[in-house]
Amino acid sequence: MQRTIPLLRRTLARGRGFSTSPSSSSEKIVASVLFERLPVVIPKIEPVVYAYQEFAFRWRQQYRRIYPDELLDKSNARSLQRALDRRLYLLLYGKTDGSAGKSVWQFPEKVYQSEETLRKCAESALKSVLGNLSHTYFVGNAPMGHMEQPEENIKQFFFKSQVIAANKFDIGKCEDFVWVTKDELIEYFPEKADFLNKMIIS
Protein backbone atom coordinates (compact mmCIF):
# COMPACT_ATOMS: atom_id res chain seq x y z
CA MET A 1 0.00 0.00 0.00
CA GLN A 2 2.85 2.38 0.82
CA ARG A 3 4.35 1.84 -2.64
CA THR A 4 1.02 2.41 -4.38
CA ILE A 5 0.48 5.97 -3.01
CA PRO A 6 3.65 7.54 -4.53
CA LEU A 7 2.86 5.81 -7.85
CA LEU A 8 -0.69 7.21 -7.81
CA ARG A 9 0.60 10.69 -7.05
CA ARG A 10 3.02 10.54 -9.98
CA THR A 11 0.25 9.36 -12.30
CA LEU A 12 -2.09 12.17 -11.23
CA ALA A 13 0.69 14.72 -11.58
CA ARG A 14 1.29 13.61 -15.17
CA GLY A 15 -2.41 13.88 -15.99
CA ARG A 16 -2.78 17.31 -14.44
CA GLY A 17 -1.50 20.72 -15.47
CA PHE A 18 -0.41 22.21 -18.79
CA SER A 19 2.52 20.87 -20.72
CA THR A 20 4.57 23.47 -22.58
CA SER A 21 6.54 20.82 -24.46
CA PRO A 22 5.55 20.63 -28.15
CA SER A 23 3.83 17.39 -29.08
CA SER A 24 6.13 17.01 -32.07
CA SER A 25 9.53 18.41 -32.96
CA SER A 26 8.10 20.37 -35.91
CA GLU A 27 5.27 22.02 -33.94
CA LYS A 28 5.93 25.52 -32.64
CA ILE A 29 4.31 27.00 -29.56
CA VAL A 30 4.32 30.80 -29.59
CA ALA A 31 3.66 33.11 -26.64
CA SER A 32 2.24 36.46 -27.81
CA VAL A 33 1.56 39.56 -25.73
CA LEU A 34 -1.45 41.83 -26.10
CA PHE A 35 0.24 44.92 -24.62
CA GLU A 36 -2.50 47.37 -23.70
CA ARG A 37 -2.73 51.00 -22.65
CA LEU A 38 -5.95 51.56 -20.74
CA PRO A 39 -8.14 54.60 -21.47
CA VAL A 40 -7.05 57.85 -19.85
CA VAL A 41 -9.85 59.65 -17.98
CA ILE A 42 -10.03 63.27 -19.13
CA PRO A 43 -11.93 65.79 -16.98
CA LYS A 44 -14.61 67.84 -18.71
CA ILE A 45 -13.24 71.13 -20.05
CA GLU A 46 -15.02 74.33 -19.03
CA PRO A 47 -16.55 76.22 -22.00
CA VAL A 48 -14.31 79.27 -21.46
CA VAL A 49 -11.17 77.11 -21.38
CA TYR A 50 -12.33 75.20 -24.46
CA ALA A 51 -12.95 78.47 -26.35
CA TYR A 52 -9.45 79.73 -25.47
CA GLN A 53 -7.82 76.45 -26.54
CA GLU A 54 -9.72 76.51 -29.82
CA PHE A 55 -8.62 80.11 -30.49
CA ALA A 56 -4.99 79.34 -29.58
CA PHE A 57 -5.00 76.27 -31.84
CA ARG A 58 -6.36 78.21 -34.83
CA TRP A 59 -3.84 81.01 -34.24
CA ARG A 60 -0.91 78.56 -34.25
CA GLN A 61 -2.24 76.88 -37.40
CA GLN A 62 -1.45 80.07 -39.36
CA TYR A 63 2.27 79.63 -38.76
CA ARG A 64 2.66 75.85 -38.63
CA ARG A 65 4.95 74.01 -41.00
CA ILE A 66 3.11 71.79 -43.52
CA TYR A 67 4.05 68.09 -43.41
CA PRO A 68 2.80 65.30 -45.69
CA ASP A 69 -0.32 63.57 -44.30
CA GLU A 70 1.42 60.18 -44.46
CA LEU A 71 4.21 61.42 -42.18
CA LEU A 72 1.77 62.94 -39.69
CA ASP A 73 -0.39 59.79 -39.54
CA LYS A 74 2.65 57.57 -38.96
CA SER A 75 4.06 59.82 -36.25
CA ASN A 76 0.69 60.01 -34.49
CA ALA A 77 0.28 56.22 -34.58
CA ARG A 78 3.56 55.81 -32.70
CA SER A 79 2.35 57.92 -29.79
CA LEU A 80 0.69 56.68 -26.61
CA GLN A 81 -0.90 60.12 -26.31
CA ARG A 82 -3.66 59.44 -28.84
CA ALA A 83 -7.22 58.11 -28.60
CA LEU A 84 -7.09 58.83 -24.87
CA ASP A 85 -10.64 57.58 -24.36
CA ARG A 86 -9.86 54.20 -25.96
CA ARG A 87 -7.63 51.23 -25.26
CA LEU A 88 -4.47 51.06 -27.37
CA TYR A 89 -2.50 47.97 -28.37
CA LEU A 90 1.13 47.64 -29.46
CA LEU A 91 1.92 46.15 -32.87
CA LEU A 92 5.40 45.53 -34.25
CA TYR A 93 6.59 45.27 -37.84
CA GLY A 94 9.36 42.77 -38.54
CA LYS A 95 10.27 39.18 -39.32
CA THR A 96 8.91 36.17 -37.42
CA ASP A 97 9.63 32.44 -37.53
CA GLY A 98 6.33 31.84 -39.27
CA SER A 99 6.59 34.66 -41.84
CA ALA A 100 9.02 32.87 -44.22
CA GLY A 101 11.60 35.64 -43.87
CA LYS A 102 9.13 38.42 -44.70
CA SER A 103 8.40 41.40 -42.47
CA VAL A 104 4.82 41.39 -41.16
CA TRP A 105 2.75 43.17 -38.52
CA GLN A 106 2.63 41.14 -35.31
CA PHE A 107 2.27 41.26 -31.53
CA PRO A 108 5.36 41.02 -29.31
CA GLU A 109 5.94 37.27 -29.41
CA LYS A 110 8.47 34.50 -28.88
CA VAL A 111 8.67 30.81 -29.76
CA TYR A 112 8.66 28.72 -26.59
CA GLN A 113 12.02 27.06 -25.98
CA SER A 114 13.17 26.26 -22.47
CA GLU A 115 11.33 28.77 -20.26
CA GLU A 116 9.77 27.53 -17.05
CA THR A 117 6.25 28.49 -18.19
CA LEU A 118 4.52 30.07 -21.18
CA ARG A 119 3.96 33.20 -19.05
CA LYS A 120 7.76 33.48 -18.62
CA CYS A 121 8.13 33.10 -22.38
CA ALA A 122 5.62 35.94 -22.93
CA GLU A 123 7.47 38.14 -20.43
CA SER A 124 10.70 37.47 -22.29
CA ALA A 125 9.07 38.46 -25.59
CA LEU A 126 7.89 41.81 -24.21
CA LYS A 127 11.14 42.49 -22.36
CA SER A 128 13.15 42.01 -25.57
CA VAL A 129 11.12 44.81 -27.14
CA LEU A 130 10.92 47.26 -24.20
CA GLY A 131 14.26 46.56 -22.51
CA ASN A 132 12.65 46.03 -19.10
CA LEU A 133 9.24 45.34 -17.59
CA SER A 134 9.26 48.00 -14.87
CA HIS A 135 6.23 49.82 -16.35
CA THR A 136 4.17 46.77 -17.25
CA TYR A 137 1.69 44.51 -15.47
CA PHE A 138 0.82 40.99 -16.67
CA VAL A 139 -2.82 40.16 -16.02
CA GLY A 140 -2.90 36.62 -14.64
CA ASN A 141 -0.71 33.59 -15.29
CA ALA A 142 -2.94 31.88 -17.84
CA PRO A 143 -3.36 32.83 -21.52
CA MET A 144 -6.40 34.97 -22.38
CA GLY A 145 -6.87 33.09 -25.63
CA HIS A 146 -5.19 30.86 -28.18
CA MET A 147 -5.39 30.06 -31.86
CA GLU A 148 -3.91 27.43 -34.15
CA GLN A 149 -2.30 27.94 -37.55
CA PRO A 150 -2.31 24.42 -39.05
CA GLU A 151 -0.67 25.50 -42.31
CA GLU A 152 2.39 26.67 -40.35
CA ASN A 153 2.06 24.06 -37.55
CA ILE A 154 1.92 26.82 -34.92
CA LYS A 155 -0.09 27.12 -31.70
CA GLN A 156 -0.27 30.73 -30.53
CA PHE A 157 -1.14 31.64 -26.92
CA PHE A 158 -2.02 35.25 -25.99
CA PHE A 159 -1.18 36.88 -22.65
CA LYS A 160 -2.43 40.31 -21.58
CA SER A 161 -0.06 42.95 -20.20
CA GLN A 162 -0.86 46.58 -19.41
CA VAL A 163 1.03 49.87 -19.41
CA ILE A 164 1.66 51.15 -15.89
CA ALA A 165 2.66 54.79 -15.16
CA ALA A 166 4.31 55.47 -18.52
CA ASN A 167 3.47 57.62 -21.54
CA LYS A 168 6.41 56.58 -23.76
CA PHE A 169 8.51 53.49 -24.41
CA ASP A 170 11.74 53.03 -26.35
CA ILE A 171 10.55 50.27 -28.65
CA GLY A 172 13.37 48.19 -30.12
CA LYS A 173 14.04 44.95 -31.98
CA CYS A 174 11.64 45.77 -34.82
CA GLU A 175 11.54 47.74 -38.07
CA ASP A 176 8.52 49.80 -37.04
CA PHE A 177 5.74 49.92 -34.46
CA VAL A 178 2.29 51.46 -33.91
CA TRP A 179 -0.20 51.91 -31.06
CA VAL A 180 -3.67 51.10 -32.40
CA THR A 181 -7.26 50.99 -31.16
CA LYS A 182 -9.26 47.76 -31.37
CA ASP A 183 -10.92 48.87 -34.62
CA GLU A 184 -7.55 49.73 -36.15
CA LEU A 185 -6.11 46.44 -34.89
CA ILE A 186 -8.75 44.48 -36.79
CA GLU A 187 -7.86 46.43 -39.94
CA TYR A 188 -4.32 45.04 -39.64
CA PHE A 189 -5.62 41.46 -39.24
CA PRO A 190 -8.96 41.26 -41.12
CA GLU A 191 -8.65 37.47 -41.45
CA LYS A 192 -8.55 37.20 -37.62
CA ALA A 193 -11.40 39.66 -36.96
CA ASP A 194 -13.77 37.09 -35.40
CA PHE A 195 -11.08 35.75 -33.08
CA LEU A 196 -9.90 39.22 -31.99
CA ASN A 197 -13.47 40.42 -31.39
CA LYS A 198 -14.11 37.46 -29.08
CA MET A 199 -10.78 37.73 -27.27
CA ILE A 200 -10.69 41.51 -26.80
CA ILE A 201 -13.63 42.98 -24.90
CA SER A 202 -13.55 46.80 -24.98
C-alpha atoms as a PDB file:
ATOM      1  CA  MET A   1       0.000   0.000   0.000  1.00  0.00           C
ATOM      2  CA  GLN A   2       2.847   2.384   0.816  1.00  0.00           C
ATOM      3  CA  ARG A   3       4.352   1.835  -2.638  1.00  0.00           C
ATOM      4  CA  THR A   4       1.018   2.412  -4.379  1.00  0.00           C
ATOM      5  CA  ILE A   5       0.478   5.970  -3.011  1.00  0.00           C
ATOM      6  CA  PRO A   6       3.653   7.542  -4.533  1.00  0.00           C
ATOM      7  CA  LEU A   7       2.861   5.811  -7.853  1.00  0.00           C
ATOM      8  CA  LEU A   8      -0.688   7.207  -7.810  1.00  0.00           C
ATOM      9  CA  ARG A   9       0.603  10.690  -7.046  1.00  0.00           C
ATOM     10  CA  ARG A  10       3.022  10.540  -9.984  1.00  0.00           C
ATOM     11  CA  THR A  11       0.251   9.359 -12.304  1.00  0.00           C
ATOM     12  CA  LEU A  12      -2.092  12.171 -11.230  1.00  0.00           C
ATOM     13  CA  ALA A  13       0.691  14.721 -11.580  1.00  0.00           C
ATOM     14  CA  ARG A  14       1.289  13.613 -15.173  1.00  0.00           C
ATOM     15  CA  GLY A  15      -2.412  13.876 -15.990  1.00  0.00           C
ATOM     16  CA  ARG A  16      -2.780  17.307 -14.439  1.00  0.00           C
ATOM     17  CA  GLY A  17      -1.505  20.718 -15.472  1.00  0.00           C
ATOM     18  CA  PHE A  18      -0.415  22.207 -18.786  1.00  0.00           C
ATOM     19  CA  SER A  19       2.525  20.875 -20.718  1.00  0.00           C
ATOM     20  CA  THR A  20       4.570  23.471 -22.581  1.00  0.00           C
ATOM     21  CA  SER A  21       6.541  20.823 -24.459  1.00  0.00           C
ATOM     22  CA  PRO A  22       5.555  20.626 -28.150  1.00  0.00           C
ATOM     23  CA  SER A  23       3.827  17.387 -29.082  1.00  0.00           C
ATOM     24  CA  SER A  24       6.132  17.011 -32.070  1.00  0.00           C
ATOM     25  CA  SER A  25       9.532  18.410 -32.958  1.00  0.00           C
ATOM     26  CA  SER A  26       8.105  20.372 -35.908  1.00  0.00           C
ATOM     27  CA  GLU A  27       5.274  22.019 -33.941  1.00  0.00           C
ATOM     28  CA  LYS A  28       5.931  25.521 -32.639  1.00  0.00           C
ATOM     29  CA  ILE A  29       4.309  27.003 -29.561  1.00  0.00           C
ATOM     30  CA  VAL A  30       4.320  30.803 -29.591  1.00  0.00           C
ATOM     31  CA  ALA A  31       3.661  33.112 -26.642  1.00  0.00           C
ATOM     32  CA  SER A  32       2.238  36.455 -27.813  1.00  0.00           C
ATOM     33  CA  VAL A  33       1.564  39.562 -25.734  1.00  0.00           C
ATOM     34  CA  LEU A  34      -1.446  41.833 -26.097  1.00  0.00           C
ATOM     35  CA  PHE A  35       0.244  44.923 -24.620  1.00  0.00           C
ATOM     36  CA  GLU A  36      -2.498  47.374 -23.700  1.00  0.00           C
ATOM     37  CA  ARG A  37      -2.732  50.996 -22.648  1.00  0.00           C
ATOM     38  CA  LEU A  38      -5.948  51.558 -20.739  1.00  0.00           C
ATOM     39  CA  PRO A  39      -8.138  54.600 -21.473  1.00  0.00           C
ATOM     40  CA  VAL A  40      -7.054  57.846 -19.848  1.00  0.00           C
ATOM     41  CA  VAL A  41      -9.846  59.649 -17.977  1.00  0.00           C
ATOM     42  CA  ILE A  42     -10.028  63.268 -19.130  1.00  0.00           C
ATOM     43  CA  PRO A  43     -11.935  65.790 -16.975  1.00  0.00           C
ATOM     44  CA  LYS A  44     -14.606  67.835 -18.714  1.00  0.00           C
ATOM     45  CA  ILE A  45     -13.244  71.126 -20.047  1.00  0.00           C
ATOM     46  CA  GLU A  46     -15.021  74.328 -19.026  1.00  0.00           C
ATOM     47  CA  PRO A  47     -16.552  76.221 -22.002  1.00  0.00           C
ATOM     48  CA  VAL A  48     -14.313  79.270 -21.459  1.00  0.00           C
ATOM     49  CA  VAL A  49     -11.169  77.106 -21.383  1.00  0.00           C
ATOM     50  CA  TYR A  50     -12.329  75.196 -24.461  1.00  0.00           C
ATOM     51  CA  ALA A  51     -12.948  78.465 -26.346  1.00  0.00           C
ATOM     52  CA  TYR A  52      -9.451  79.735 -25.468  1.00  0.00           C
ATOM     53  CA  GLN A  53      -7.817  76.455 -26.538  1.00  0.00           C
ATOM     54  CA  GLU A  54      -9.719  76.514 -29.822  1.00  0.00           C
ATOM     55  CA  PHE A  55      -8.624  80.114 -30.487  1.00  0.00           C
ATOM     56  CA  ALA A  56      -4.993  79.342 -29.585  1.00  0.00           C
ATOM     57  CA  PHE A  57      -4.998  76.271 -31.843  1.00  0.00           C
ATOM     58  CA  ARG A  58      -6.365  78.213 -34.829  1.00  0.00           C
ATOM     59  CA  TRP A  59      -3.836  81.012 -34.243  1.00  0.00           C
ATOM     60  CA  ARG A  60      -0.910  78.563 -34.254  1.00  0.00           C
ATOM     61  CA  GLN A  61      -2.235  76.883 -37.400  1.00  0.00           C
ATOM     62  CA  GLN A  62      -1.446  80.075 -39.358  1.00  0.00           C
ATOM     63  CA  TYR A  63       2.271  79.626 -38.757  1.00  0.00           C
ATOM     64  CA  ARG A  64       2.659  75.854 -38.632  1.00  0.00           C
ATOM     65  CA  ARG A  65       4.945  74.008 -41.003  1.00  0.00           C
ATOM     66  CA  ILE A  66       3.113  71.793 -43.517  1.00  0.00           C
ATOM     67  CA  TYR A  67       4.055  68.094 -43.409  1.00  0.00           C
ATOM     68  CA  PRO A  68       2.797  65.304 -45.687  1.00  0.00           C
ATOM     69  CA  ASP A  69      -0.316  63.573 -44.295  1.00  0.00           C
ATOM     70  CA  GLU A  70       1.423  60.184 -44.456  1.00  0.00           C
ATOM     71  CA  LEU A  71       4.210  61.418 -42.181  1.00  0.00           C
ATOM     72  CA  LEU A  72       1.769  62.936 -39.688  1.00  0.00           C
ATOM     73  CA  ASP A  73      -0.390  59.791 -39.543  1.00  0.00           C
ATOM     74  CA  LYS A  74       2.652  57.574 -38.958  1.00  0.00           C
ATOM     75  CA  SER A  75       4.064  59.823 -36.252  1.00  0.00           C
ATOM     76  CA  ASN A  76       0.685  60.005 -34.494  1.00  0.00           C
ATOM     77  CA  ALA A  77       0.278  56.218 -34.584  1.00  0.00           C
ATOM     78  CA  ARG A  78       3.561  55.809 -32.701  1.00  0.00           C
ATOM     79  CA  SER A  79       2.346  57.925 -29.785  1.00  0.00           C
ATOM     80  CA  LEU A  80       0.693  56.683 -26.612  1.00  0.00           C
ATOM     81  CA  GLN A  81      -0.904  60.125 -26.312  1.00  0.00           C
ATOM     82  CA  ARG A  82      -3.658  59.439 -28.838  1.00  0.00           C
ATOM     83  CA  ALA A  83      -7.221  58.114 -28.599  1.00  0.00           C
ATOM     84  CA  LEU A  84      -7.086  58.825 -24.873  1.00  0.00           C
ATOM     85  CA  ASP A  85     -10.638  57.583 -24.358  1.00  0.00           C
ATOM     86  CA  ARG A  86      -9.862  54.200 -25.957  1.00  0.00           C
ATOM     87  CA  ARG A  87      -7.631  51.231 -25.257  1.00  0.00           C
ATOM     88  CA  LEU A  88      -4.468  51.063 -27.373  1.00  0.00           C
ATOM     89  CA  TYR A  89      -2.505  47.967 -28.373  1.00  0.00           C
ATOM     90  CA  LEU A  90       1.127  47.641 -29.459  1.00  0.00           C
ATOM     91  CA  LEU A  91       1.918  46.145 -32.869  1.00  0.00           C
ATOM     92  CA  LEU A  92       5.402  45.532 -34.249  1.00  0.00           C
ATOM     93  CA  TYR A  93       6.595  45.272 -37.842  1.00  0.00           C
ATOM     94  CA  GLY A  94       9.355  42.767 -38.536  1.00  0.00           C
ATOM     95  CA  LYS A  95      10.266  39.178 -39.318  1.00  0.00           C
ATOM     96  CA  THR A  96       8.905  36.168 -37.416  1.00  0.00           C
ATOM     97  CA  ASP A  97       9.629  32.443 -37.528  1.00  0.00           C
ATOM     98  CA  GLY A  98       6.328  31.842 -39.272  1.00  0.00           C
ATOM     99  CA  SER A  99       6.594  34.659 -41.844  1.00  0.00           C
ATOM    100  CA  ALA A 100       9.020  32.873 -44.215  1.00  0.00           C
ATOM    101  CA  GLY A 101      11.597  35.637 -43.874  1.00  0.00           C
ATOM    102  CA  LYS A 102       9.134  38.424 -44.701  1.00  0.00           C
ATOM    103  CA  SER A 103       8.399  41.397 -42.465  1.00  0.00           C
ATOM    104  CA  VAL A 104       4.822  41.391 -41.160  1.00  0.00           C
ATOM    105  CA  TRP A 105       2.754  43.172 -38.517  1.00  0.00           C
ATOM    106  CA  GLN A 106       2.632  41.142 -35.305  1.00  0.00           C
ATOM    107  CA  PHE A 107       2.267  41.260 -31.534  1.00  0.00           C
ATOM    108  CA  PRO A 108       5.363  41.016 -29.311  1.00  0.00           C
ATOM    109  CA  GLU A 109       5.945  37.267 -29.408  1.00  0.00           C
ATOM    110  CA  LYS A 110       8.467  34.496 -28.885  1.00  0.00           C
ATOM    111  CA  VAL A 111       8.667  30.815 -29.759  1.00  0.00           C
ATOM    112  CA  TYR A 112       8.658  28.718 -26.585  1.00  0.00           C
ATOM    113  CA  GLN A 113      12.015  27.057 -25.978  1.00  0.00           C
ATOM    114  CA  SER A 114      13.169  26.262 -22.465  1.00  0.00           C
ATOM    115  CA  GLU A 115      11.330  28.770 -20.265  1.00  0.00           C
ATOM    116  CA  GLU A 116       9.772  27.531 -17.048  1.00  0.00           C
ATOM    117  CA  THR A 117       6.251  28.493 -18.187  1.00  0.00           C
ATOM    118  CA  LEU A 118       4.519  30.075 -21.181  1.00  0.00           C
ATOM    119  CA  ARG A 119       3.957  33.196 -19.054  1.00  0.00           C
ATOM    120  CA  LYS A 120       7.755  33.483 -18.624  1.00  0.00           C
ATOM    121  CA  CYS A 121       8.131  33.101 -22.377  1.00  0.00           C
ATOM    122  CA  ALA A 122       5.619  35.940 -22.930  1.00  0.00           C
ATOM    123  CA  GLU A 123       7.472  38.141 -20.428  1.00  0.00           C
ATOM    124  CA  SER A 124      10.704  37.466 -22.290  1.00  0.00           C
ATOM    125  CA  ALA A 125       9.070  38.460 -25.590  1.00  0.00           C
ATOM    126  CA  LEU A 126       7.891  41.810 -24.208  1.00  0.00           C
ATOM    127  CA  LYS A 127      11.140  42.488 -22.365  1.00  0.00           C
ATOM    128  CA  SER A 128      13.147  42.006 -25.567  1.00  0.00           C
ATOM    129  CA  VAL A 129      11.117  44.815 -27.137  1.00  0.00           C
ATOM    130  CA  LEU A 130      10.917  47.256 -24.198  1.00  0.00           C
ATOM    131  CA  GLY A 131      14.263  46.558 -22.512  1.00  0.00           C
ATOM    132  CA  ASN A 132      12.647  46.026 -19.099  1.00  0.00           C
ATOM    133  CA  LEU A 133       9.235  45.337 -17.586  1.00  0.00           C
ATOM    134  CA  SER A 134       9.258  48.001 -14.866  1.00  0.00           C
ATOM    135  CA  HIS A 135       6.231  49.818 -16.353  1.00  0.00           C
ATOM    136  CA  THR A 136       4.172  46.765 -17.248  1.00  0.00           C
ATOM    137  CA  TYR A 137       1.689  44.509 -15.471  1.00  0.00           C
ATOM    138  CA  PHE A 138       0.820  40.995 -16.669  1.00  0.00           C
ATOM    139  CA  VAL A 139      -2.819  40.157 -16.017  1.00  0.00           C
ATOM    140  CA  GLY A 140      -2.905  36.615 -14.642  1.00  0.00           C
ATOM    141  CA  ASN A 141      -0.712  33.594 -15.294  1.00  0.00           C
ATOM    142  CA  ALA A 142      -2.945  31.878 -17.844  1.00  0.00           C
ATOM    143  CA  PRO A 143      -3.360  32.832 -21.519  1.00  0.00           C
ATOM    144  CA  MET A 144      -6.402  34.973 -22.375  1.00  0.00           C
ATOM    145  CA  GLY A 145      -6.867  33.089 -25.630  1.00  0.00           C
ATOM    146  CA  HIS A 146      -5.194  30.860 -28.182  1.00  0.00           C
ATOM    147  CA  MET A 147      -5.386  30.056 -31.863  1.00  0.00           C
ATOM    148  CA  GLU A 148      -3.910  27.426 -34.151  1.00  0.00           C
ATOM    149  CA  GLN A 149      -2.295  27.940 -37.545  1.00  0.00           C
ATOM    150  CA  PRO A 150      -2.314  24.415 -39.047  1.00  0.00           C
ATOM    151  CA  GLU A 151      -0.673  25.499 -42.310  1.00  0.00           C
ATOM    152  CA  GLU A 152       2.388  26.666 -40.348  1.00  0.00           C
ATOM    153  CA  ASN A 153       2.063  24.058 -37.555  1.00  0.00           C
ATOM    154  CA  ILE A 154       1.916  26.820 -34.923  1.00  0.00           C
ATOM    155  CA  LYS A 155      -0.089  27.123 -31.705  1.00  0.00           C
ATOM    156  CA  GLN A 156      -0.267  30.731 -30.530  1.00  0.00           C
ATOM    157  CA  PHE A 157      -1.140  31.642 -26.922  1.00  0.00           C
ATOM    158  CA  PHE A 158      -2.016  35.252 -25.989  1.00  0.00           C
ATOM    159  CA  PHE A 159      -1.185  36.882 -22.650  1.00  0.00           C
ATOM    160  CA  LYS A 160      -2.427  40.314 -21.582  1.00  0.00           C
ATOM    161  CA  SER A 161      -0.064  42.946 -20.200  1.00  0.00           C
ATOM    162  CA  GLN A 162      -0.860  46.583 -19.415  1.00  0.00           C
ATOM    163  CA  VAL A 163       1.035  49.865 -19.406  1.00  0.00           C
ATOM    164  CA  ILE A 164       1.661  51.148 -15.892  1.00  0.00           C
ATOM    165  CA  ALA A 165       2.656  54.793 -15.163  1.00  0.00           C
ATOM    166  CA  ALA A 166       4.314  55.474 -18.520  1.00  0.00           C
ATOM    167  CA  ASN A 167       3.471  57.616 -21.543  1.00  0.00           C
ATOM    168  CA  LYS A 168       6.406  56.583 -23.757  1.00  0.00           C
ATOM    169  CA  PHE A 169       8.509  53.485 -24.408  1.00  0.00           C
ATOM    170  CA  ASP A 170      11.740  53.028 -26.350  1.00  0.00           C
ATOM    171  CA  ILE A 171      10.551  50.270 -28.651  1.00  0.00           C
ATOM    172  CA  GLY A 172      13.374  48.195 -30.116  1.00  0.00           C
ATOM    173  CA  LYS A 173      14.042  44.951 -31.979  1.00  0.00           C
ATOM    174  CA  CYS A 174      11.644  45.768 -34.822  1.00  0.00           C
ATOM    175  CA  GLU A 175      11.537  47.737 -38.066  1.00  0.00           C
ATOM    176  CA  ASP A 176       8.515  49.799 -37.039  1.00  0.00           C
ATOM    177  CA  PHE A 177       5.737  49.925 -34.459  1.00  0.00           C
ATOM    178  CA  VAL A 178       2.295  51.460 -33.905  1.00  0.00           C
ATOM    179  CA  TRP A 179      -0.203  51.910 -31.063  1.00  0.00           C
ATOM    180  CA  VAL A 180      -3.669  51.100 -32.400  1.00  0.00           C
ATOM    181  CA  THR A 181      -7.256  50.989 -31.164  1.00  0.00           C
ATOM    182  CA  LYS A 182      -9.258  47.759 -31.370  1.00  0.00           C
ATOM    183  CA  ASP A 183     -10.922  48.873 -34.619  1.00  0.00           C
ATOM    184  CA  GLU A 184      -7.552  49.726 -36.155  1.00  0.00           C
ATOM    185  CA  LEU A 185      -6.106  46.442 -34.891  1.00  0.00           C
ATOM    186  CA  ILE A 186      -8.747  44.485 -36.789  1.00  0.00           C
ATOM    187  CA  GLU A 187      -7.860  46.430 -39.941  1.00  0.00           C
ATOM    188  CA  TYR A 188      -4.317  45.041 -39.644  1.00  0.00           C
ATOM    189  CA  PHE A 189      -5.616  41.463 -39.244  1.00  0.00           C
ATOM    190  CA  PRO A 190      -8.957  41.263 -41.117  1.00  0.00           C
ATOM    191  CA  GLU A 191      -8.652  37.474 -41.448  1.00  0.00           C
ATOM    192  CA  LYS A 192      -8.552  37.197 -37.621  1.00  0.00           C
ATOM    193  CA  ALA A 193     -11.400  39.655 -36.963  1.00  0.00           C
ATOM    194  CA  ASP A 194     -13.771  37.088 -35.398  1.00  0.00           C
ATOM    195  CA  PHE A 195     -11.078  35.749 -33.075  1.00  0.00           C
ATOM    196  CA  LEU A 196      -9.905  39.221 -31.994  1.00  0.00           C
ATOM    197  CA  ASN A 197     -13.469  40.421 -31.385  1.00  0.00           C
ATOM    198  CA  LYS A 198     -14.114  37.463 -29.079  1.00  0.00           C
ATOM    199  CA  MET A 199     -10.780  37.730 -27.267  1.00  0.00           C
ATOM    200  CA  ILE A 200     -10.689  41.507 -26.797  1.00  0.00           C
ATOM    201  CA  ILE A 201     -13.632  42.983 -24.898  1.00  0.00           C
ATOM    202  CA  SER A 202     -13.554  46.797 -24.977  1.00  0.00           C
END
